[in-house]
N, C-alpha and C. Protein backbone atom coordinates (compact mmCIF):
# COMPACT_ATOMS: atom_id res chain seq x y z
N HIS A 1 -15.57 -184.70 78.99
CA HIS A 1 -14.73 -185.22 77.94
C HIS A 1 -15.43 -186.39 77.26
N ILE A 2 -15.23 -186.49 75.95
CA ILE A 2 -15.96 -187.47 75.13
C ILE A 2 -15.08 -188.67 74.83
N ASP A 3 -15.66 -189.85 75.01
CA ASP A 3 -14.97 -191.08 74.62
C ASP A 3 -15.36 -191.37 73.17
N PHE A 4 -14.46 -191.07 72.24
CA PHE A 4 -14.77 -191.20 70.81
C PHE A 4 -14.84 -192.66 70.34
N ASN A 5 -14.54 -193.59 71.24
CA ASN A 5 -14.68 -195.02 70.89
C ASN A 5 -16.07 -195.55 71.25
N ASP A 6 -16.81 -194.78 72.08
CA ASP A 6 -18.15 -195.17 72.49
C ASP A 6 -19.15 -194.61 71.48
N LYS A 7 -19.82 -195.50 70.74
CA LYS A 7 -20.74 -195.07 69.67
C LYS A 7 -21.90 -194.23 70.20
N ASP A 8 -22.44 -194.57 71.38
CA ASP A 8 -23.54 -193.79 71.95
C ASP A 8 -23.08 -192.38 72.32
N ALA A 9 -21.92 -192.29 72.94
CA ALA A 9 -21.37 -190.98 73.32
C ALA A 9 -21.11 -190.14 72.06
N LEU A 10 -20.59 -190.78 71.02
CA LEU A 10 -20.32 -190.10 69.75
C LEU A 10 -21.62 -189.61 69.11
N PHE A 11 -22.66 -190.43 69.19
CA PHE A 11 -23.97 -190.08 68.64
C PHE A 11 -24.54 -188.85 69.36
N ILE A 12 -24.48 -188.84 70.68
CA ILE A 12 -24.99 -187.70 71.48
C ILE A 12 -24.16 -186.45 71.18
N TYR A 13 -22.84 -186.63 71.09
CA TYR A 13 -21.94 -185.51 70.78
C TYR A 13 -22.32 -184.90 69.42
N ASP A 14 -22.60 -185.75 68.45
CA ASP A 14 -22.97 -185.30 67.11
C ASP A 14 -24.28 -184.50 67.15
N ILE A 15 -25.26 -184.97 67.91
CA ILE A 15 -26.55 -184.28 68.04
C ILE A 15 -26.34 -182.90 68.67
N ILE A 16 -25.59 -182.86 69.77
CA ILE A 16 -25.34 -181.59 70.47
C ILE A 16 -24.62 -180.60 69.55
N THR A 17 -23.65 -181.08 68.79
CA THR A 17 -22.90 -180.22 67.88
C THR A 17 -23.82 -179.64 66.81
N ARG A 18 -24.69 -180.48 66.26
CA ARG A 18 -25.62 -180.00 65.23
C ARG A 18 -26.62 -178.98 65.79
N VAL A 19 -27.10 -179.20 67.00
CA VAL A 19 -28.03 -178.26 67.63
C VAL A 19 -27.33 -176.91 67.84
N GLU A 20 -26.09 -176.95 68.33
CA GLU A 20 -25.33 -175.71 68.54
C GLU A 20 -25.09 -174.98 67.22
N GLN A 21 -24.79 -175.74 66.17
CA GLN A 21 -24.56 -175.16 64.84
C GLN A 21 -25.82 -174.46 64.33
N ARG A 22 -26.95 -175.11 64.50
CA ARG A 22 -28.23 -174.53 64.07
C ARG A 22 -28.56 -173.27 64.86
N GLU A 23 -28.29 -173.29 66.16
CA GLU A 23 -28.52 -172.11 67.01
C GLU A 23 -27.65 -170.94 66.53
N ASN A 24 -26.41 -171.21 66.19
CA ASN A 24 -25.50 -170.17 65.69
C ASN A 24 -26.04 -169.59 64.38
N GLU A 25 -26.54 -170.45 63.50
CA GLU A 25 -27.10 -169.98 62.22
C GLU A 25 -28.31 -169.08 62.48
N ARG A 26 -29.17 -169.49 63.42
CA ARG A 26 -30.37 -168.69 63.74
C ARG A 26 -29.99 -167.35 64.33
N ARG A 27 -29.00 -167.34 65.23
CA ARG A 27 -28.54 -166.11 65.86
C ARG A 27 -27.96 -165.16 64.80
N SER A 28 -27.17 -165.72 63.90
CA SER A 28 -26.55 -164.93 62.83
C SER A 28 -27.63 -164.32 61.93
N HIS A 29 -28.62 -165.13 61.59
CA HIS A 29 -29.72 -164.66 60.73
C HIS A 29 -30.49 -163.53 61.41
N LYS A 30 -30.78 -163.71 62.69
CA LYS A 30 -31.50 -162.70 63.46
C LYS A 30 -30.70 -161.39 63.52
N SER A 31 -29.40 -161.50 63.68
CA SER A 31 -28.52 -160.33 63.71
C SER A 31 -28.56 -159.60 62.37
N GLN A 32 -28.50 -160.36 61.27
CA GLN A 32 -28.55 -159.77 59.93
C GLN A 32 -29.87 -159.03 59.71
N ILE A 33 -30.98 -159.66 60.12
CA ILE A 33 -32.30 -159.04 59.97
C ILE A 33 -32.34 -157.72 60.75
N GLY A 34 -31.77 -157.72 61.96
CA GLY A 34 -31.72 -156.51 62.78
C GLY A 34 -30.92 -155.40 62.11
N LYS A 35 -29.77 -155.76 61.54
CA LYS A 35 -28.94 -154.77 60.84
C LYS A 35 -29.67 -154.20 59.64
N ILE A 36 -30.31 -155.08 58.88
CA ILE A 36 -31.05 -154.64 57.69
C ILE A 36 -32.15 -153.67 58.09
N GLN A 37 -32.86 -154.00 59.18
CA GLN A 37 -33.94 -153.13 59.68
C GLN A 37 -33.39 -151.76 60.06
N LYS A 38 -32.24 -151.75 60.78
CA LYS A 38 -31.62 -150.48 61.17
C LYS A 38 -31.20 -149.68 59.95
N LEU A 39 -30.67 -150.37 58.93
CA LEU A 39 -30.23 -149.69 57.71
C LEU A 39 -31.42 -149.07 56.97
N LYS A 40 -32.52 -149.81 56.90
CA LYS A 40 -33.72 -149.29 56.23
C LYS A 40 -34.25 -148.07 56.97
N GLU A 41 -34.29 -148.14 58.30
CA GLU A 41 -34.75 -147.00 59.11
C GLU A 41 -33.83 -145.80 58.93
N ALA A 42 -32.52 -146.05 58.86
CA ALA A 42 -31.54 -144.97 58.69
C ALA A 42 -31.75 -144.27 57.36
N GLN A 43 -32.06 -145.05 56.32
CA GLN A 43 -32.29 -144.45 55.00
C GLN A 43 -33.52 -143.55 55.03
N LYS A 44 -34.57 -143.99 55.71
CA LYS A 44 -35.82 -143.21 55.77
C LYS A 44 -35.64 -141.95 56.61
N SER A 45 -35.00 -142.09 57.76
CA SER A 45 -34.93 -140.98 58.72
C SER A 45 -33.73 -140.06 58.49
N ASN A 46 -32.83 -140.45 57.59
CA ASN A 46 -31.60 -139.69 57.35
C ASN A 46 -30.71 -139.66 58.59
N LYS A 47 -30.82 -140.67 59.46
CA LYS A 47 -29.97 -140.76 60.63
C LYS A 47 -28.71 -141.53 60.27
N SER A 48 -27.62 -141.21 60.95
CA SER A 48 -26.35 -141.89 60.69
C SER A 48 -26.17 -143.04 61.67
N VAL A 49 -26.85 -144.14 61.40
CA VAL A 49 -26.84 -145.29 62.32
C VAL A 49 -25.46 -145.95 62.33
N TYR A 50 -24.99 -146.27 63.54
CA TYR A 50 -23.69 -146.92 63.71
C TYR A 50 -23.94 -148.39 64.01
N LEU A 51 -23.35 -149.27 63.19
CA LEU A 51 -23.65 -150.71 63.31
C LEU A 51 -22.60 -151.51 64.08
N GLY A 52 -21.62 -150.85 64.65
CA GLY A 52 -20.63 -151.56 65.44
C GLY A 52 -19.28 -151.65 64.74
N GLY A 53 -18.36 -152.35 65.38
CA GLY A 53 -17.00 -152.42 64.86
C GLY A 53 -16.24 -151.18 65.29
N SER A 54 -14.99 -151.05 64.80
CA SER A 54 -14.26 -149.84 65.17
C SER A 54 -14.61 -148.73 64.20
N ALA A 55 -14.76 -147.55 64.75
CA ALA A 55 -15.14 -146.38 63.95
C ALA A 55 -14.00 -146.00 63.01
N LEU A 56 -14.37 -145.47 61.88
CA LEU A 56 -13.43 -144.96 60.91
C LEU A 56 -12.64 -143.82 61.54
N PHE A 57 -11.34 -143.71 61.22
CA PHE A 57 -10.52 -142.62 61.75
C PHE A 57 -11.19 -141.29 61.40
N GLY A 58 -11.38 -140.44 62.40
CA GLY A 58 -12.07 -139.16 62.19
C GLY A 58 -13.48 -139.17 62.77
N TYR A 59 -13.95 -140.36 63.12
CA TYR A 59 -15.31 -140.51 63.65
C TYR A 59 -15.28 -141.27 64.97
N LYS A 60 -16.41 -141.19 65.67
CA LYS A 60 -16.60 -141.99 66.89
C LYS A 60 -18.06 -142.43 66.95
N ASN A 61 -18.31 -143.45 67.73
CA ASN A 61 -19.66 -143.95 67.94
C ASN A 61 -20.18 -143.31 69.22
N GLU A 62 -21.24 -142.53 69.07
CA GLU A 62 -21.86 -141.89 70.23
C GLU A 62 -23.35 -142.21 70.19
N ASN A 63 -23.82 -142.98 71.17
CA ASN A 63 -25.22 -143.39 71.22
C ASN A 63 -25.66 -144.06 69.92
N LYS A 64 -24.81 -144.92 69.38
CA LYS A 64 -25.07 -145.68 68.15
C LYS A 64 -25.30 -144.78 66.94
N GLU A 65 -24.66 -143.62 66.95
CA GLU A 65 -24.68 -142.71 65.79
C GLU A 65 -23.26 -142.28 65.48
N TRP A 66 -22.99 -141.97 64.19
CA TRP A 66 -21.70 -141.46 63.76
C TRP A 66 -21.56 -140.02 64.22
N LYS A 67 -20.49 -139.72 64.94
CA LYS A 67 -20.17 -138.36 65.35
C LYS A 67 -18.71 -138.09 64.98
N LEU A 68 -18.39 -136.80 64.81
CA LEU A 68 -17.02 -136.44 64.49
C LEU A 68 -16.13 -136.56 65.72
N ASN A 69 -14.91 -137.07 65.51
CA ASN A 69 -13.90 -137.10 66.55
C ASN A 69 -13.02 -135.88 66.29
N LYS A 70 -13.25 -134.81 67.03
CA LYS A 70 -12.62 -133.51 66.77
C LYS A 70 -11.09 -133.60 66.66
N ASP A 71 -10.45 -134.41 67.51
CA ASP A 71 -8.99 -134.52 67.48
C ASP A 71 -8.50 -135.15 66.17
N GLU A 72 -9.29 -136.04 65.62
CA GLU A 72 -8.86 -136.75 64.40
C GLU A 72 -9.29 -136.05 63.12
N VAL A 73 -10.39 -135.30 63.16
CA VAL A 73 -10.92 -134.63 61.95
C VAL A 73 -9.85 -133.76 61.31
N LYS A 74 -9.10 -133.00 62.13
CA LYS A 74 -8.08 -132.11 61.56
C LYS A 74 -7.02 -132.92 60.81
N TRP A 75 -6.74 -134.14 61.29
CA TRP A 75 -5.74 -134.97 60.62
C TRP A 75 -6.29 -135.58 59.34
N VAL A 76 -7.56 -135.94 59.33
CA VAL A 76 -8.18 -136.46 58.10
C VAL A 76 -8.10 -135.38 57.02
N LYS A 77 -8.47 -134.13 57.40
CA LYS A 77 -8.40 -133.02 56.44
C LYS A 77 -6.97 -132.81 55.98
N TRP A 78 -6.02 -132.87 56.92
CA TRP A 78 -4.61 -132.67 56.58
C TRP A 78 -4.15 -133.75 55.58
N ILE A 79 -4.54 -135.01 55.83
CA ILE A 79 -4.14 -136.12 54.95
C ILE A 79 -4.65 -135.87 53.52
N PHE A 80 -5.92 -135.51 53.40
CA PHE A 80 -6.49 -135.27 52.05
C PHE A 80 -5.83 -134.06 51.39
N ASN A 81 -5.63 -132.97 52.15
CA ASN A 81 -4.98 -131.78 51.59
C ASN A 81 -3.55 -132.08 51.15
N ALA A 82 -2.81 -132.80 52.00
CA ALA A 82 -1.42 -133.11 51.69
C ALA A 82 -1.33 -133.95 50.41
N TYR A 83 -2.18 -134.97 50.30
CA TYR A 83 -2.14 -135.83 49.11
C TYR A 83 -2.56 -135.04 47.87
N GLU A 84 -3.60 -134.24 48.02
CA GLU A 84 -4.09 -133.43 46.89
C GLU A 84 -3.01 -132.46 46.41
N ASN A 85 -2.16 -132.00 47.35
CA ASN A 85 -1.11 -131.04 47.02
C ASN A 85 0.23 -131.72 46.68
N GLY A 86 0.19 -133.02 46.38
CA GLY A 86 1.39 -133.68 45.84
C GLY A 86 2.22 -134.50 46.80
N LYS A 87 1.85 -134.55 48.08
CA LYS A 87 2.61 -135.40 49.01
C LYS A 87 2.29 -136.87 48.73
N SER A 88 3.28 -137.73 48.91
CA SER A 88 3.07 -139.17 48.72
C SER A 88 2.51 -139.77 50.01
N THR A 89 2.00 -140.99 49.92
CA THR A 89 1.50 -141.65 51.13
C THR A 89 2.66 -141.87 52.12
N LYS A 90 3.86 -142.08 51.59
CA LYS A 90 5.04 -142.25 52.47
C LYS A 90 5.34 -140.94 53.20
N ASP A 91 5.26 -139.81 52.48
CA ASP A 91 5.47 -138.49 53.12
C ASP A 91 4.43 -138.29 54.22
N ILE A 92 3.18 -138.63 53.92
CA ILE A 92 2.08 -138.46 54.88
C ILE A 92 2.31 -139.34 56.10
N LYS A 93 2.65 -140.59 55.86
CA LYS A 93 2.93 -141.54 56.95
C LYS A 93 4.03 -140.98 57.86
N ASN A 94 5.14 -140.54 57.25
CA ASN A 94 6.27 -140.03 58.03
C ASN A 94 5.87 -138.82 58.87
N HIS A 95 5.07 -137.92 58.30
CA HIS A 95 4.62 -136.73 59.03
C HIS A 95 3.72 -137.12 60.21
N LEU A 96 2.77 -138.02 59.97
CA LEU A 96 1.86 -138.46 61.05
C LEU A 96 2.65 -139.13 62.17
N ASP A 97 3.62 -139.97 61.80
CA ASP A 97 4.46 -140.64 62.81
C ASP A 97 5.27 -139.61 63.60
N LYS A 98 5.87 -138.63 62.88
CA LYS A 98 6.70 -137.60 63.52
C LYS A 98 5.87 -136.75 64.49
N GLU A 99 4.63 -136.47 64.09
CA GLU A 99 3.74 -135.65 64.93
C GLU A 99 3.11 -136.45 66.07
N GLY A 100 3.32 -137.77 66.08
CA GLY A 100 2.78 -138.61 67.14
C GLY A 100 1.26 -138.79 67.07
N VAL A 101 0.70 -138.71 65.86
CA VAL A 101 -0.74 -138.89 65.69
C VAL A 101 -1.08 -140.36 65.97
N ALA A 102 -1.95 -140.57 66.93
CA ALA A 102 -2.29 -141.94 67.36
C ALA A 102 -3.04 -142.69 66.26
N THR A 103 -2.64 -143.94 66.06
CA THR A 103 -3.34 -144.81 65.12
C THR A 103 -4.44 -145.53 65.87
N ARG A 104 -5.31 -146.19 65.14
CA ARG A 104 -6.40 -146.93 65.78
C ARG A 104 -6.00 -148.36 66.10
N ARG A 105 -5.17 -148.97 65.25
CA ARG A 105 -4.96 -150.41 65.39
C ARG A 105 -3.52 -150.86 65.62
N THR A 106 -2.53 -150.16 65.08
CA THR A 106 -1.17 -150.71 65.14
C THR A 106 -0.63 -150.67 66.57
N LYS A 107 0.03 -151.76 66.97
CA LYS A 107 0.61 -151.84 68.31
C LYS A 107 1.83 -150.94 68.42
N SER A 108 2.54 -150.77 67.30
CA SER A 108 3.75 -149.94 67.30
C SER A 108 3.41 -148.46 67.41
N GLY A 109 2.15 -148.10 67.08
CA GLY A 109 1.77 -146.69 67.09
C GLY A 109 2.17 -145.97 65.82
N LEU A 110 2.75 -146.71 64.87
CA LEU A 110 3.17 -146.12 63.61
C LEU A 110 2.09 -146.32 62.55
N TRP A 111 1.99 -145.35 61.65
CA TRP A 111 0.99 -145.41 60.59
C TRP A 111 1.40 -146.39 59.51
N ASN A 112 0.40 -146.97 58.85
CA ASN A 112 0.62 -147.92 57.77
C ASN A 112 0.21 -147.22 56.46
N MET A 113 1.05 -147.33 55.43
CA MET A 113 0.75 -146.64 54.17
C MET A 113 -0.52 -147.17 53.51
N VAL A 114 -0.81 -148.46 53.68
CA VAL A 114 -2.04 -149.03 53.11
C VAL A 114 -3.27 -148.42 53.79
N THR A 115 -3.17 -148.20 55.10
CA THR A 115 -4.27 -147.55 55.83
C THR A 115 -4.54 -146.17 55.26
N ILE A 116 -3.48 -145.43 55.00
CA ILE A 116 -3.62 -144.07 54.44
C ILE A 116 -4.26 -144.14 53.06
N GLN A 117 -3.82 -145.10 52.24
CA GLN A 117 -4.41 -145.25 50.90
C GLN A 117 -5.89 -145.60 50.99
N LYS A 118 -6.25 -146.48 51.93
CA LYS A 118 -7.66 -146.85 52.11
C LYS A 118 -8.48 -145.65 52.57
N MET A 119 -7.90 -144.84 53.44
CA MET A 119 -8.60 -143.62 53.90
C MET A 119 -8.85 -142.70 52.71
N LEU A 120 -7.82 -142.50 51.89
CA LEU A 120 -7.93 -141.60 50.74
C LEU A 120 -8.97 -142.09 49.74
N ALA A 121 -9.23 -143.39 49.72
CA ALA A 121 -10.19 -143.97 48.77
C ALA A 121 -11.59 -144.13 49.39
N ASN A 122 -11.75 -143.75 50.66
CA ASN A 122 -13.00 -143.99 51.36
C ASN A 122 -13.97 -142.82 51.21
N LYS A 123 -15.06 -143.08 50.50
CA LYS A 123 -16.07 -142.05 50.20
C LYS A 123 -16.85 -141.58 51.43
N THR A 124 -16.81 -142.34 52.51
CA THR A 124 -17.54 -141.96 53.72
C THR A 124 -17.16 -140.56 54.18
N TYR A 125 -15.90 -140.17 53.98
CA TYR A 125 -15.44 -138.85 54.43
C TYR A 125 -16.20 -137.71 53.75
N THR A 126 -16.89 -137.99 52.62
CA THR A 126 -17.67 -136.96 51.93
C THR A 126 -19.07 -136.82 52.53
N GLY A 127 -19.40 -137.67 53.51
CA GLY A 127 -20.70 -137.54 54.19
C GLY A 127 -21.73 -138.59 53.81
N ILE A 128 -21.34 -139.56 52.98
CA ILE A 128 -22.26 -140.66 52.64
C ILE A 128 -21.55 -141.98 52.95
N HIS A 129 -22.14 -142.77 53.84
CA HIS A 129 -21.57 -144.08 54.19
C HIS A 129 -22.43 -145.16 53.56
N SER A 130 -21.79 -146.14 52.98
CA SER A 130 -22.51 -147.25 52.34
C SER A 130 -22.15 -148.57 53.00
N VAL A 131 -23.17 -149.41 53.16
CA VAL A 131 -22.99 -150.75 53.73
C VAL A 131 -23.55 -151.75 52.74
N LYS A 132 -22.73 -152.75 52.41
CA LYS A 132 -23.16 -153.81 51.48
C LYS A 132 -23.59 -155.02 52.29
N VAL A 133 -24.80 -155.51 52.03
CA VAL A 133 -25.32 -156.67 52.77
C VAL A 133 -25.30 -157.89 51.84
N ARG A 134 -24.35 -158.79 52.11
CA ARG A 134 -24.18 -159.98 51.26
C ARG A 134 -25.41 -160.86 51.26
N LYS A 135 -26.06 -160.97 52.43
CA LYS A 135 -27.23 -161.86 52.54
C LYS A 135 -28.39 -161.38 51.66
N LEU A 136 -28.32 -160.13 51.21
CA LEU A 136 -29.38 -159.61 50.34
C LEU A 136 -28.82 -159.46 48.92
N GLY A 137 -27.94 -160.38 48.54
CA GLY A 137 -27.39 -160.36 47.18
C GLY A 137 -26.51 -159.16 46.92
N GLY A 138 -25.87 -158.65 47.97
CA GLY A 138 -24.96 -157.52 47.80
C GLY A 138 -25.65 -156.17 47.73
N ARG A 139 -26.90 -156.11 48.19
CA ARG A 139 -27.63 -154.83 48.18
C ARG A 139 -26.88 -153.80 49.03
N VAL A 140 -26.81 -152.58 48.52
CA VAL A 140 -26.08 -151.51 49.20
C VAL A 140 -27.06 -150.52 49.83
N PHE A 141 -26.84 -150.23 51.10
CA PHE A 141 -27.61 -149.23 51.82
C PHE A 141 -26.69 -148.03 52.06
N SER A 142 -27.15 -146.83 51.73
CA SER A 142 -26.36 -145.63 51.96
C SER A 142 -27.12 -144.66 52.86
N PHE A 143 -26.38 -143.98 53.72
CA PHE A 143 -27.00 -142.97 54.58
C PHE A 143 -25.97 -141.90 54.90
N LYS A 144 -26.48 -140.75 55.38
CA LYS A 144 -25.62 -139.62 55.67
C LYS A 144 -24.87 -139.81 56.98
N VAL A 145 -23.62 -139.34 56.96
CA VAL A 145 -22.81 -139.24 58.18
C VAL A 145 -22.20 -137.83 58.16
N PRO A 146 -21.67 -137.36 59.29
CA PRO A 146 -21.05 -136.03 59.26
C PRO A 146 -19.93 -135.97 58.21
N LYS A 147 -19.93 -134.88 57.45
CA LYS A 147 -18.99 -134.71 56.34
C LYS A 147 -17.67 -134.11 56.85
N ILE A 148 -16.55 -134.64 56.35
CA ILE A 148 -15.24 -134.11 56.73
C ILE A 148 -14.58 -133.39 55.55
N ILE A 149 -14.74 -133.93 54.34
CA ILE A 149 -14.15 -133.30 53.15
C ILE A 149 -15.23 -133.12 52.08
N THR A 150 -14.93 -132.31 51.08
CA THR A 150 -15.90 -132.07 50.01
C THR A 150 -15.82 -133.19 48.97
N VAL A 151 -16.89 -133.34 48.22
CA VAL A 151 -16.93 -134.33 47.14
C VAL A 151 -15.89 -133.98 46.08
N SER A 152 -15.73 -132.69 45.78
CA SER A 152 -14.77 -132.30 44.75
C SER A 152 -13.33 -132.63 45.18
N GLN A 153 -13.02 -132.42 46.46
CA GLN A 153 -11.68 -132.79 46.94
C GLN A 153 -11.50 -134.31 46.84
N PHE A 154 -12.52 -135.05 47.25
CA PHE A 154 -12.45 -136.51 47.16
C PHE A 154 -12.19 -136.94 45.71
N ASN A 155 -12.93 -136.34 44.77
CA ASN A 155 -12.76 -136.69 43.35
C ASN A 155 -11.36 -136.36 42.85
N ASN A 156 -10.81 -135.20 43.26
CA ASN A 156 -9.43 -134.85 42.89
C ASN A 156 -8.44 -135.88 43.40
N VAL A 157 -8.62 -136.30 44.65
CA VAL A 157 -7.73 -137.29 45.26
C VAL A 157 -7.85 -138.63 44.53
N GLN A 158 -9.08 -139.01 44.12
CA GLN A 158 -9.26 -140.27 43.40
C GLN A 158 -8.49 -140.24 42.08
N LYS A 159 -8.53 -139.11 41.38
CA LYS A 159 -7.80 -138.98 40.11
C LYS A 159 -6.31 -139.16 40.34
N LYS A 160 -5.78 -138.54 41.41
CA LYS A 160 -4.36 -138.66 41.73
C LYS A 160 -4.00 -140.10 42.12
N LEU A 161 -4.86 -140.73 42.92
CA LEU A 161 -4.63 -142.13 43.32
C LEU A 161 -4.57 -143.01 42.07
N PHE A 162 -5.52 -142.81 41.16
CA PHE A 162 -5.59 -143.60 39.93
C PHE A 162 -4.34 -143.37 39.08
N ALA A 163 -3.96 -142.10 38.91
CA ALA A 163 -2.78 -141.77 38.10
C ALA A 163 -1.52 -142.38 38.72
N ASN A 164 -1.38 -142.27 40.04
CA ASN A 164 -0.21 -142.84 40.72
C ASN A 164 -0.18 -144.35 40.62
N GLN A 165 -1.34 -144.99 40.68
CA GLN A 165 -1.42 -146.44 40.55
C GLN A 165 -1.00 -146.88 39.15
N ARG A 166 -1.44 -146.12 38.14
CA ARG A 166 -1.08 -146.43 36.75
C ARG A 166 0.42 -146.27 36.55
N MET A 167 1.02 -145.23 37.15
CA MET A 167 2.47 -145.04 37.04
C MET A 167 3.21 -146.21 37.68
N LYS A 168 2.71 -146.66 38.85
CA LYS A 168 3.33 -147.81 39.53
C LYS A 168 3.25 -149.06 38.65
N ASP A 169 2.04 -149.28 38.05
CA ASP A 169 1.85 -150.46 37.19
C ASP A 169 2.78 -150.41 35.98
N ASN A 170 2.95 -149.21 35.39
CA ASN A 170 3.83 -149.06 34.23
C ASN A 170 5.28 -149.31 34.62
N ASN A 171 5.67 -148.87 35.81
CA ASN A 171 7.06 -149.08 36.28
C ASN A 171 7.34 -150.57 36.52
N LYS A 172 6.32 -151.32 36.95
CA LYS A 172 6.48 -152.76 37.17
C LYS A 172 6.76 -153.48 35.85
N GLN A 173 6.13 -152.99 34.76
CA GLN A 173 6.31 -153.63 33.46
C GLN A 173 7.64 -153.19 32.87
């Protein structure tokens, strides 16, 4: 414990804090360099490198590569088909909840409509995943991952999402 009234103790505390801060910055920088290297290698080799975090619904991390999660793939396809065929995100949410389809994050086990909208807008499902690296001025690295839906289906869904968003905006006015 530090006696903040003792100037020498405060001085040493300040030095230790700054050293720890610098170490954290160096560790973070080293981690970024490693990720960038992996992304560059993935682009060259056409490998689907997995950089960590939780996998996108429909995928899993297997040996640091993107692989399909067979149980979830059928639901990803169902979500895109349902939306493309006129179902709302609320209809989709209710169906997934009724069928007991497990979510990745919610404690309640219930689907979130924003999650469904983000999935519908996520181009990764077409087989190309992109990672933006802020430390490189926002440079984007793209590489192949296993494809779940077609590009044309994705584009159809984007048109519907855009049209529905415009209708919502018009209703607000």
